[in-house]
């Protein structure tokens, strides 16, 4: 995957990360759009585009964002979740980074479902990743890769009492998500 395909999605109320999957579709987290206010812009591949439409995938924390076309090549591929303890890398703009950061980790296991602290975000199917450099707020929506292919989107972090434990919940790309991507 090329680093310039990692997107920063920003509104007046905050930002998240995402991935430019093709010239007009960005893969990201759905929970960002619950609180997004005003104009939402996508910054990817050296371009800025306004969000035209958002398609949230029911029962997941995944959204597909439609934008005006961005000229690019060699778009990333989607793949299956890796075997347990496989190496992963999560890309994102968390912590107010000006360029995407790579966070190395290990895939621990899959879960049928996971919820955020307040039960406002549902992740299904979910995966658990242990990162050596913890994912942080703003990394949500960023791609999680194994073997060079995207298998998940960053969704939640485990931070009891404000202490980031380096454990992240990711939204696995189930067949329903892959079918929705194919239709975009």
N, C-alpha and C. Protein backbone atom coordinates (compact mmCIF):
# COMPACT_ATOMS: atom_id res chain seq x y z
N UNK A 1 0.84 -1.18 0.00
CA UNK A 1 0.00 0.00 0.00
C UNK A 1 0.88 1.24 0.00
N UNK A 2 0.48 2.22 -0.77
CA UNK A 2 1.23 3.47 -0.81
C UNK A 2 0.73 4.40 0.29
N UNK A 3 1.65 5.05 0.97
CA UNK A 3 1.30 5.90 2.10
C UNK A 3 0.37 7.04 1.70
N UNK A 4 0.46 7.52 0.45
CA UNK A 4 -0.41 8.64 0.06
C UNK A 4 -1.87 8.23 -0.10
N UNK A 5 -2.17 6.93 -0.02
CA UNK A 5 -3.56 6.49 -0.04
C UNK A 5 -4.22 6.57 1.35
N UNK A 6 -3.41 6.79 2.39
CA UNK A 6 -3.97 7.00 3.72
C UNK A 6 -4.57 8.40 3.74
N UNK A 7 -5.83 8.49 4.15
CA UNK A 7 -6.56 9.76 4.09
C UNK A 7 -6.76 10.35 5.48
N UNK A 8 -6.85 11.66 5.50
CA UNK A 8 -7.27 12.40 6.71
C UNK A 8 -8.64 12.96 6.39
N UNK A 9 -9.61 12.65 7.23
CA UNK A 9 -10.99 13.10 7.02
C UNK A 9 -11.29 14.09 8.14
N UNK A 10 -11.65 15.33 7.78
CA UNK A 10 -11.78 16.38 8.79
C UNK A 10 -13.08 17.17 8.64
N UNK A 11 -13.65 17.50 9.80
CA UNK A 11 -14.80 18.40 9.87
C UNK A 11 -14.46 19.46 10.92
N UNK A 12 -15.39 20.36 11.17
CA UNK A 12 -15.16 21.39 12.20
C UNK A 12 -15.08 20.78 13.59
N UNK A 13 -15.65 19.59 13.77
CA UNK A 13 -15.71 18.99 15.10
C UNK A 13 -14.63 17.95 15.37
N UNK A 14 -13.78 17.65 14.40
CA UNK A 14 -12.72 16.67 14.63
C UNK A 14 -12.23 16.04 13.34
N UNK A 15 -11.47 14.96 13.50
CA UNK A 15 -10.92 14.27 12.32
C UNK A 15 -10.72 12.80 12.63
N UNK A 16 -10.56 12.03 11.55
CA UNK A 16 -10.23 10.61 11.66
C UNK A 16 -9.35 10.26 10.46
N UNK A 17 -9.03 9.00 10.34
CA UNK A 17 -8.21 8.52 9.24
C UNK A 17 -9.05 7.64 8.31
N UNK A 18 -8.50 7.30 7.17
CA UNK A 18 -9.19 6.44 6.22
C UNK A 18 -8.23 5.98 5.14
N UNK A 19 -8.77 5.31 4.12
CA UNK A 19 -7.96 4.80 3.01
C UNK A 19 -8.66 5.05 1.70
N UNK A 20 -7.94 5.62 0.75
CA UNK A 20 -8.44 5.78 -0.61
C UNK A 20 -8.37 4.42 -1.29
N UNK A 21 -9.56 3.81 -1.53
CA UNK A 21 -9.61 2.46 -2.11
C UNK A 21 -9.60 2.48 -3.63
N UNK A 22 -10.18 3.51 -4.20
CA UNK A 22 -10.17 3.73 -5.65
C UNK A 22 -10.28 5.23 -5.85
N UNK A 23 -10.44 5.69 -7.06
CA UNK A 23 -10.39 7.13 -7.32
C UNK A 23 -11.48 7.92 -6.62
N UNK A 24 -12.56 7.27 -6.17
CA UNK A 24 -13.67 8.03 -5.56
C UNK A 24 -14.25 7.43 -4.29
N UNK A 25 -13.60 6.42 -3.71
CA UNK A 25 -14.13 5.78 -2.49
C UNK A 25 -13.07 5.74 -1.40
N UNK A 26 -13.47 6.19 -0.20
CA UNK A 26 -12.61 6.16 0.97
C UNK A 26 -13.23 5.22 2.01
N UNK A 27 -12.44 4.29 2.51
CA UNK A 27 -12.84 3.37 3.57
C UNK A 27 -12.46 3.99 4.91
N UNK A 28 -13.39 4.03 5.86
CA UNK A 28 -13.10 4.63 7.16
C UNK A 28 -14.04 4.07 8.22
N UNK A 29 -14.05 4.69 9.40
CA UNK A 29 -14.93 4.28 10.49
C UNK A 29 -16.25 5.04 10.41
N UNK A 30 -17.32 4.39 10.82
CA UNK A 30 -18.63 5.03 10.80
C UNK A 30 -18.82 5.97 11.99
N UNK A 31 -18.19 5.66 13.14
CA UNK A 31 -18.48 6.45 14.34
C UNK A 31 -18.08 7.92 14.20
N UNK A 32 -17.14 8.24 13.33
CA UNK A 32 -16.75 9.64 13.12
C UNK A 32 -17.93 10.48 12.64
N UNK A 33 -18.77 9.91 11.80
CA UNK A 33 -19.84 10.68 11.17
C UNK A 33 -21.03 10.94 12.09
N UNK A 34 -21.07 10.30 13.25
CA UNK A 34 -22.14 10.61 14.22
C UNK A 34 -22.04 12.04 14.72
N UNK A 35 -20.81 12.54 14.86
CA UNK A 35 -20.59 13.87 15.43
C UNK A 35 -19.99 14.87 14.45
N UNK A 36 -19.76 14.48 13.22
CA UNK A 36 -19.16 15.40 12.24
C UNK A 36 -20.12 16.56 11.98
N UNK A 37 -19.60 17.76 12.03
CA UNK A 37 -20.41 18.95 11.82
C UNK A 37 -19.86 19.75 10.64
N UNK A 38 -20.78 20.35 9.89
CA UNK A 38 -20.39 21.21 8.78
C UNK A 38 -19.81 20.43 7.62
N UNK A 39 -18.99 21.11 6.86
CA UNK A 39 -18.35 20.51 5.69
C UNK A 39 -17.33 19.47 6.15
N UNK A 40 -17.32 18.32 5.47
CA UNK A 40 -16.33 17.28 5.76
C UNK A 40 -15.44 17.14 4.53
N UNK A 41 -14.13 17.27 4.73
CA UNK A 41 -13.16 17.16 3.65
C UNK A 41 -12.30 15.92 3.82
N UNK A 42 -11.86 15.38 2.68
CA UNK A 42 -10.93 14.26 2.65
C UNK A 42 -9.64 14.75 2.02
N UNK A 43 -8.53 14.50 2.70
CA UNK A 43 -7.20 14.85 2.20
C UNK A 43 -6.46 13.55 1.92
N UNK A 44 -6.16 13.30 0.65
CA UNK A 44 -5.46 12.06 0.26
C UNK A 44 -4.76 12.28 -1.06
N UNK A 45 -3.65 11.60 -1.25
CA UNK A 45 -2.89 11.63 -2.51
C UNK A 45 -2.65 13.06 -2.98
N UNK A 46 -2.34 13.94 -2.03
CA UNK A 46 -2.02 15.33 -2.36
C UNK A 46 -3.21 16.17 -2.79
N UNK A 47 -4.42 15.69 -2.55
CA UNK A 47 -5.63 16.40 -2.98
C UNK A 47 -6.59 16.58 -1.81
N UNK A 48 -7.48 17.56 -1.97
CA UNK A 48 -8.57 17.77 -1.01
C UNK A 48 -9.88 17.63 -1.75
N UNK A 49 -10.78 16.85 -1.18
CA UNK A 49 -12.11 16.66 -1.78
C UNK A 49 -13.16 16.76 -0.68
N UNK A 50 -14.31 17.35 -1.02
CA UNK A 50 -15.44 17.37 -0.10
C UNK A 50 -16.16 16.03 -0.16
N UNK A 51 -16.66 15.61 0.99
CA UNK A 51 -17.45 14.38 1.04
C UNK A 51 -18.77 14.63 0.34
N UNK A 52 -19.10 13.75 -0.62
CA UNK A 52 -20.38 13.85 -1.33
C UNK A 52 -21.46 13.02 -0.66
N UNK A 53 -21.09 11.83 -0.19
CA UNK A 53 -22.06 10.93 0.42
C UNK A 53 -21.32 9.95 1.34
N UNK A 54 -22.02 9.47 2.35
CA UNK A 54 -21.45 8.49 3.28
C UNK A 54 -22.39 7.30 3.36
N UNK A 55 -21.85 6.12 3.12
CA UNK A 55 -22.61 4.87 3.20
C UNK A 55 -22.07 4.08 4.39
N UNK A 56 -22.84 4.04 5.49
CA UNK A 56 -22.41 3.25 6.64
C UNK A 56 -22.91 1.82 6.47
N UNK A 57 -22.08 0.87 6.80
CA UNK A 57 -22.43 -0.54 6.66
C UNK A 57 -23.11 -0.98 7.96
N UNK A 58 -24.37 -1.35 7.87
CA UNK A 58 -25.18 -1.70 9.04
C UNK A 58 -24.50 -2.76 9.90
N UNK A 59 -24.53 -2.55 11.22
CA UNK A 59 -23.99 -3.51 12.17
C UNK A 59 -22.48 -3.45 12.33
N UNK A 60 -21.82 -2.53 11.64
CA UNK A 60 -20.37 -2.42 11.71
C UNK A 60 -19.97 -1.00 12.10
N UNK A 61 -18.69 -0.78 12.27
CA UNK A 61 -18.15 0.57 12.45
C UNK A 61 -17.40 0.96 11.19
N UNK A 62 -17.97 0.64 10.05
CA UNK A 62 -17.31 0.91 8.76
C UNK A 62 -18.20 1.79 7.90
N UNK A 63 -17.55 2.76 7.24
CA UNK A 63 -18.25 3.64 6.31
C UNK A 63 -17.46 3.72 5.01
N UNK A 64 -18.19 3.86 3.92
CA UNK A 64 -17.60 4.12 2.61
C UNK A 64 -18.00 5.54 2.23
N UNK A 65 -17.01 6.36 1.93
CA UNK A 65 -17.22 7.78 1.65
C UNK A 65 -17.02 8.03 0.16
N UNK A 66 -17.99 8.70 -0.45
CA UNK A 66 -17.90 9.06 -1.87
C UNK A 66 -17.33 10.46 -1.99
N UNK A 67 -16.35 10.61 -2.89
CA UNK A 67 -15.73 11.91 -3.16
C UNK A 67 -15.59 12.08 -4.67
N UNK A 68 -15.30 13.31 -5.11
CA UNK A 68 -14.96 13.53 -6.51
C UNK A 68 -13.65 12.79 -6.79
N UNK A 69 -13.46 12.31 -8.02
CA UNK A 69 -12.28 11.48 -8.32
C UNK A 69 -10.94 12.14 -8.00
N UNK A 70 -10.03 11.33 -7.50
CA UNK A 70 -8.63 11.71 -7.28
C UNK A 70 -7.79 10.82 -8.18
N UNK A 71 -6.94 11.42 -8.97
CA UNK A 71 -6.07 10.64 -9.84
C UNK A 71 -4.96 10.00 -9.02
N UNK A 72 -4.87 8.70 -9.10
CA UNK A 72 -3.83 7.95 -8.42
C UNK A 72 -3.73 6.58 -9.07
N UNK A 73 -2.82 5.77 -8.59
CA UNK A 73 -2.64 4.43 -9.16
C UNK A 73 -2.27 3.47 -8.04
N UNK A 74 -2.25 2.19 -8.37
CA UNK A 74 -1.83 1.15 -7.43
C UNK A 74 -2.59 1.23 -6.11
N UNK A 75 -3.91 1.21 -6.21
CA UNK A 75 -4.74 1.28 -5.00
C UNK A 75 -4.53 0.03 -4.15
N UNK A 76 -4.76 0.15 -2.84
CA UNK A 76 -4.57 -1.00 -1.95
C UNK A 76 -5.59 -2.10 -2.21
N UNK A 77 -5.24 -3.30 -1.76
CA UNK A 77 -6.14 -4.46 -1.90
C UNK A 77 -6.68 -4.85 -0.53
N UNK A 78 -7.82 -5.52 -0.56
CA UNK A 78 -8.44 -6.03 0.67
C UNK A 78 -8.11 -7.50 0.81
N UNK A 79 -7.95 -7.96 2.04
CA UNK A 79 -7.62 -9.37 2.26
C UNK A 79 -8.28 -9.89 3.52
N UNK A 80 -8.07 -11.16 3.82
CA UNK A 80 -8.66 -11.78 5.01
C UNK A 80 -7.86 -11.44 6.27
N UNK A 81 -8.49 -11.65 7.42
CA UNK A 81 -7.78 -11.50 8.69
C UNK A 81 -6.65 -12.53 8.73
N UNK A 82 -5.51 -12.15 9.29
CA UNK A 82 -4.37 -13.07 9.33
C UNK A 82 -4.52 -14.11 10.45
N UNK A 83 -3.58 -15.02 10.49
CA UNK A 83 -3.52 -16.00 11.58
C UNK A 83 -3.15 -15.28 12.88
N UNK A 84 -3.51 -15.87 13.99
CA UNK A 84 -3.17 -15.29 15.29
C UNK A 84 -1.66 -15.06 15.41
N UNK A 85 -1.33 -13.95 16.02
CA UNK A 85 0.04 -13.50 16.29
C UNK A 85 0.79 -13.03 15.05
N UNK A 86 0.09 -12.93 13.93
CA UNK A 86 0.72 -12.39 12.71
C UNK A 86 1.01 -10.90 12.91
N UNK A 87 2.06 -10.44 12.24
CA UNK A 87 2.41 -9.03 12.29
C UNK A 87 1.39 -8.18 11.55
N UNK A 88 1.12 -7.00 12.09
CA UNK A 88 0.20 -6.05 11.47
C UNK A 88 0.83 -4.67 11.45
N UNK A 89 0.26 -3.79 10.65
CA UNK A 89 0.62 -2.37 10.71
C UNK A 89 -0.67 -1.57 10.53
N UNK A 90 -0.85 -0.60 11.42
CA UNK A 90 -1.99 0.30 11.38
C UNK A 90 -1.48 1.67 11.00
N UNK A 91 -2.12 2.29 10.01
CA UNK A 91 -1.74 3.64 9.59
C UNK A 91 -2.81 4.62 10.03
N UNK A 92 -2.39 5.80 10.49
CA UNK A 92 -3.37 6.81 10.86
C UNK A 92 -2.73 8.14 11.19
N UNK A 93 -3.60 9.13 11.30
CA UNK A 93 -3.21 10.50 11.62
C UNK A 93 -3.43 10.82 13.09
N UNK A 94 -3.55 9.81 13.94
CA UNK A 94 -3.83 10.03 15.36
C UNK A 94 -2.78 10.87 16.05
N UNK A 95 -3.21 11.54 17.12
CA UNK A 95 -2.30 12.39 17.88
C UNK A 95 -1.91 13.65 17.13
N UNK A 96 -2.75 14.08 16.20
CA UNK A 96 -2.55 15.31 15.41
C UNK A 96 -1.32 15.26 14.51
N UNK A 97 -0.97 14.08 14.05
CA UNK A 97 0.16 13.93 13.13
C UNK A 97 -0.11 14.67 11.82
N UNK A 98 0.91 15.21 11.23
CA UNK A 98 0.79 15.89 9.94
C UNK A 98 0.90 14.92 8.77
N UNK A 99 1.47 13.75 9.02
CA UNK A 99 1.53 12.70 8.01
C UNK A 99 1.18 11.39 8.71
N UNK A 100 0.75 10.38 7.95
CA UNK A 100 0.32 9.14 8.60
C UNK A 100 1.46 8.43 9.32
N UNK A 101 1.15 7.95 10.51
CA UNK A 101 2.10 7.18 11.30
C UNK A 101 1.80 5.69 11.13
N UNK A 102 2.85 4.88 11.13
CA UNK A 102 2.71 3.42 11.06
C UNK A 102 2.88 2.86 12.46
N UNK A 103 1.91 2.06 12.90
CA UNK A 103 1.95 1.46 14.23
C UNK A 103 2.01 -0.06 14.06
N UNK A 104 3.17 -0.64 14.40
CA UNK A 104 3.37 -2.09 14.27
C UNK A 104 2.63 -2.81 15.38
N UNK A 105 2.14 -4.01 15.07
CA UNK A 105 1.43 -4.77 16.08
C UNK A 105 1.34 -6.24 15.76
N UNK A 106 0.51 -6.93 16.53
CA UNK A 106 0.24 -8.36 16.35
C UNK A 106 -1.26 -8.58 16.45
N UNK A 107 -1.77 -9.38 15.51
CA UNK A 107 -3.19 -9.74 15.53
C UNK A 107 -3.37 -10.82 16.59
N UNK A 108 -4.23 -10.56 17.57
CA UNK A 108 -4.43 -11.52 18.66
C UNK A 108 -5.56 -12.50 18.38
N UNK A 109 -6.74 -11.98 18.04
CA UNK A 109 -7.89 -12.86 17.84
C UNK A 109 -9.05 -12.11 17.22
N UNK A 110 -10.01 -12.86 16.76
CA UNK A 110 -11.26 -12.28 16.28
C UNK A 110 -12.35 -12.43 17.33
N UNK A 111 -13.35 -11.55 17.26
CA UNK A 111 -14.50 -11.59 18.16
C UNK A 111 -15.76 -11.41 17.33
N UNK A 112 -16.86 -12.02 17.75
CA UNK A 112 -18.09 -11.81 16.97
C UNK A 112 -18.57 -10.37 17.04
N UNK A 113 -18.39 -9.72 18.20
CA UNK A 113 -18.84 -8.34 18.37
C UNK A 113 -18.07 -7.69 19.52
N UNK A 114 -17.89 -6.38 19.42
CA UNK A 114 -17.31 -5.58 20.49
C UNK A 114 -18.04 -4.24 20.52
N UNK A 115 -18.05 -3.61 21.69
CA UNK A 115 -18.74 -2.33 21.85
C UNK A 115 -17.81 -1.31 22.49
N UNK A 116 -18.06 -0.04 22.20
CA UNK A 116 -17.34 1.04 22.87
C UNK A 116 -17.84 1.14 24.31
N UNK A 117 -17.13 1.92 25.10
CA UNK A 117 -17.47 2.10 26.51
C UNK A 117 -18.94 2.45 26.74
N UNK A 118 -19.46 3.39 25.98
CA UNK A 118 -20.85 3.82 26.14
C UNK A 118 -21.83 3.06 25.28
N UNK A 119 -21.37 2.01 24.63
CA UNK A 119 -22.19 1.17 23.75
C UNK A 119 -22.75 1.94 22.54
N UNK A 120 -22.11 3.06 22.18
CA UNK A 120 -22.58 3.81 21.01
C UNK A 120 -21.97 3.29 19.71
N UNK A 121 -20.83 2.63 19.81
CA UNK A 121 -20.17 2.07 18.63
C UNK A 121 -20.18 0.55 18.73
N UNK A 122 -20.69 -0.09 17.69
CA UNK A 122 -20.73 -1.56 17.60
C UNK A 122 -19.76 -1.98 16.51
N UNK A 123 -18.88 -2.91 16.84
CA UNK A 123 -17.89 -3.42 15.89
C UNK A 123 -18.19 -4.91 15.69
N UNK A 124 -18.57 -5.28 14.48
CA UNK A 124 -18.90 -6.68 14.20
C UNK A 124 -18.68 -6.99 12.72
N UNK A 125 -17.88 -7.98 12.41
CA UNK A 125 -17.00 -8.74 13.29
C UNK A 125 -15.83 -7.87 13.74
N UNK A 126 -15.27 -8.21 14.88
CA UNK A 126 -14.18 -7.44 15.46
C UNK A 126 -12.91 -8.27 15.52
N UNK A 127 -11.80 -7.58 15.59
CA UNK A 127 -10.51 -8.20 15.80
C UNK A 127 -9.78 -7.44 16.89
N UNK A 128 -8.81 -8.08 17.51
CA UNK A 128 -8.03 -7.44 18.57
C UNK A 128 -6.57 -7.43 18.14
N UNK A 129 -5.96 -6.23 18.19
CA UNK A 129 -4.57 -6.04 17.81
C UNK A 129 -3.81 -5.44 18.99
N UNK A 130 -2.64 -5.98 19.27
CA UNK A 130 -1.75 -5.42 20.28
C UNK A 130 -0.66 -4.67 19.54
N UNK A 131 -0.63 -3.35 19.70
CA UNK A 131 0.34 -2.50 18.99
C UNK A 131 1.53 -2.18 19.88
N UNK A 132 2.74 -2.17 19.31
CA UNK A 132 3.92 -1.78 20.08
C UNK A 132 3.89 -0.29 20.35
N UNK A 133 3.46 0.51 19.39
CA UNK A 133 3.16 1.93 19.59
C UNK A 133 1.65 2.02 19.55
N UNK A 134 1.01 2.35 20.66
CA UNK A 134 -0.46 2.29 20.72
C UNK A 134 -1.15 3.18 19.70
N UNK A 135 -2.27 2.69 19.18
CA UNK A 135 -3.16 3.52 18.37
C UNK A 135 -3.76 4.56 19.31
N UNK A 136 -4.04 5.75 18.77
CA UNK A 136 -4.59 6.84 19.58
C UNK A 136 -5.78 7.46 18.87
N UNK A 137 -6.48 8.34 19.56
CA UNK A 137 -7.62 9.02 18.96
C UNK A 137 -7.16 9.74 17.70
N UNK A 138 -7.92 9.61 16.64
CA UNK A 138 -7.55 10.15 15.33
C UNK A 138 -7.07 9.06 14.39
N UNK A 139 -6.61 7.94 14.94
CA UNK A 139 -6.25 6.79 14.10
C UNK A 139 -7.49 6.05 13.63
N UNK A 140 -8.62 6.27 14.31
CA UNK A 140 -9.87 5.59 13.92
C UNK A 140 -10.12 5.75 12.44
N UNK A 141 -10.52 4.65 11.81
CA UNK A 141 -10.79 4.65 10.38
C UNK A 141 -9.59 4.29 9.53
N UNK A 142 -8.40 4.35 10.12
CA UNK A 142 -7.18 4.03 9.38
C UNK A 142 -7.10 2.56 9.02
N UNK A 143 -6.36 2.24 7.96
CA UNK A 143 -6.25 0.85 7.52
C UNK A 143 -5.36 0.03 8.45
N UNK A 144 -5.74 -1.24 8.62
CA UNK A 144 -4.94 -2.20 9.36
C UNK A 144 -4.56 -3.28 8.36
N UNK A 145 -3.25 -3.47 8.16
CA UNK A 145 -2.76 -4.38 7.13
C UNK A 145 -2.03 -5.57 7.72
N UNK A 146 -2.08 -6.67 6.98
CA UNK A 146 -1.26 -7.85 7.23
C UNK A 146 -0.93 -8.43 5.86
N UNK A 147 0.32 -8.77 5.66
CA UNK A 147 0.72 -9.33 4.37
C UNK A 147 0.50 -8.38 3.21
N UNK A 148 0.50 -7.08 3.46
CA UNK A 148 0.35 -6.09 2.39
C UNK A 148 -1.08 -5.76 2.00
N UNK A 149 -2.07 -6.43 2.60
CA UNK A 149 -3.48 -6.17 2.27
C UNK A 149 -4.23 -5.65 3.49
N UNK A 150 -5.22 -4.81 3.24
CA UNK A 150 -6.06 -4.28 4.31
C UNK A 150 -7.04 -5.37 4.75
N UNK A 151 -7.05 -5.68 6.03
CA UNK A 151 -8.01 -6.67 6.54
C UNK A 151 -8.97 -6.06 7.56
N UNK A 152 -8.71 -4.81 7.98
CA UNK A 152 -9.56 -4.19 9.00
C UNK A 152 -9.40 -2.68 8.97
N UNK A 153 -10.28 -2.03 9.73
CA UNK A 153 -10.25 -0.58 9.95
C UNK A 153 -10.11 -0.36 11.45
N UNK A 154 -9.23 0.54 11.86
CA UNK A 154 -9.07 0.86 13.28
C UNK A 154 -10.37 1.44 13.83
N UNK A 155 -10.84 0.92 14.97
CA UNK A 155 -12.11 1.39 15.54
C UNK A 155 -11.99 1.93 16.96
N UNK A 156 -11.53 1.11 17.90
CA UNK A 156 -11.55 1.48 19.32
C UNK A 156 -10.19 1.22 19.95
N UNK A 157 -9.91 1.97 21.03
CA UNK A 157 -8.71 1.71 21.82
C UNK A 157 -9.13 1.34 23.24
N UNK A 158 -8.32 0.54 23.90
CA UNK A 158 -8.58 0.15 25.28
C UNK A 158 -7.77 1.07 26.18
N UNK A 159 -8.47 1.99 26.86
CA UNK A 159 -7.77 2.97 27.69
C UNK A 159 -8.49 3.20 29.03
N UNK A 160 -8.54 2.15 29.87
CA UNK A 160 -9.21 2.32 31.16
C UNK A 160 -8.49 3.37 32.01
N UNK A 161 -9.29 4.22 32.65
CA UNK A 161 -8.76 5.31 33.49
C UNK A 161 -7.79 6.20 32.72
N UNK A 162 -7.96 6.28 31.40
CA UNK A 162 -7.11 7.14 30.58
C UNK A 162 -5.74 6.57 30.27
N UNK A 163 -5.51 5.31 30.59
CA UNK A 163 -4.22 4.67 30.32
C UNK A 163 -4.35 3.80 29.08
N UNK A 164 -3.65 4.17 28.01
CA UNK A 164 -3.71 3.42 26.75
C UNK A 164 -2.88 2.14 26.90
N UNK A 165 -3.54 1.00 26.82
CA UNK A 165 -2.88 -0.29 27.02
C UNK A 165 -2.26 -0.85 25.74
N UNK A 166 -2.42 -0.14 24.62
CA UNK A 166 -1.86 -0.62 23.36
C UNK A 166 -2.72 -1.68 22.68
N UNK A 167 -3.89 -1.95 23.25
CA UNK A 167 -4.80 -2.94 22.69
C UNK A 167 -5.87 -2.19 21.89
N UNK A 168 -6.02 -2.56 20.64
CA UNK A 168 -6.98 -1.90 19.76
C UNK A 168 -8.02 -2.90 19.26
N UNK A 169 -9.25 -2.44 19.16
CA UNK A 169 -10.31 -3.21 18.52
C UNK A 169 -10.42 -2.70 17.10
N UNK A 170 -10.39 -3.62 16.15
CA UNK A 170 -10.47 -3.25 14.73
C UNK A 170 -11.72 -3.86 14.12
N UNK A 171 -12.26 -3.17 13.13
CA UNK A 171 -13.43 -3.67 12.39
C UNK A 171 -12.93 -4.53 11.25
N UNK A 172 -13.15 -5.84 11.36
CA UNK A 172 -12.74 -6.74 10.29
C UNK A 172 -13.61 -6.52 9.05
N UNK A 173 -13.01 -6.70 7.89
CA UNK A 173 -13.74 -6.51 6.64
C UNK A 173 -14.43 -7.81 6.26
N UNK A 174 -15.66 -7.97 6.74
CA UNK A 174 -16.45 -9.15 6.43
C UNK A 174 -16.92 -9.13 4.99
N UNK A 175 -17.58 -10.19 4.59
CA UNK A 175 -18.04 -10.32 3.19
C UNK A 175 -19.01 -9.21 2.80
N UNK A 176 -19.86 -8.76 3.74
CA UNK A 176 -20.79 -7.68 3.44
C UNK A 176 -20.08 -6.38 3.11
N UNK A 177 -19.00 -6.11 3.82
CA UNK A 177 -18.21 -4.91 3.55
C UNK A 177 -17.52 -5.03 2.19
N UNK A 178 -16.92 -6.19 1.94
CA UNK A 178 -16.23 -6.38 0.66
C UNK A 178 -17.20 -6.26 -0.51
N UNK A 179 -18.43 -6.76 -0.35
CA UNK A 179 -19.44 -6.64 -1.41
C UNK A 179 -19.82 -5.18 -1.62
N UNK A 180 -19.96 -4.42 -0.53
CA UNK A 180 -20.28 -2.99 -0.65
C UNK A 180 -19.17 -2.23 -1.35
N UNK A 181 -17.91 -2.58 -1.05
CA UNK A 181 -16.77 -1.94 -1.71
C UNK A 181 -16.81 -2.22 -3.21
N UNK A 182 -17.11 -3.46 -3.58
CA UNK A 182 -17.18 -3.82 -5.00
C UNK A 182 -18.24 -3.01 -5.75
N UNK A 183 -19.32 -2.64 -5.06
CA UNK A 183 -20.40 -1.87 -5.70
C UNK A 183 -20.07 -0.40 -5.82
N UNK A 184 -19.07 0.07 -5.08
CA UNK A 184 -18.72 1.49 -5.13
C UNK A 184 -17.90 1.74 -6.34
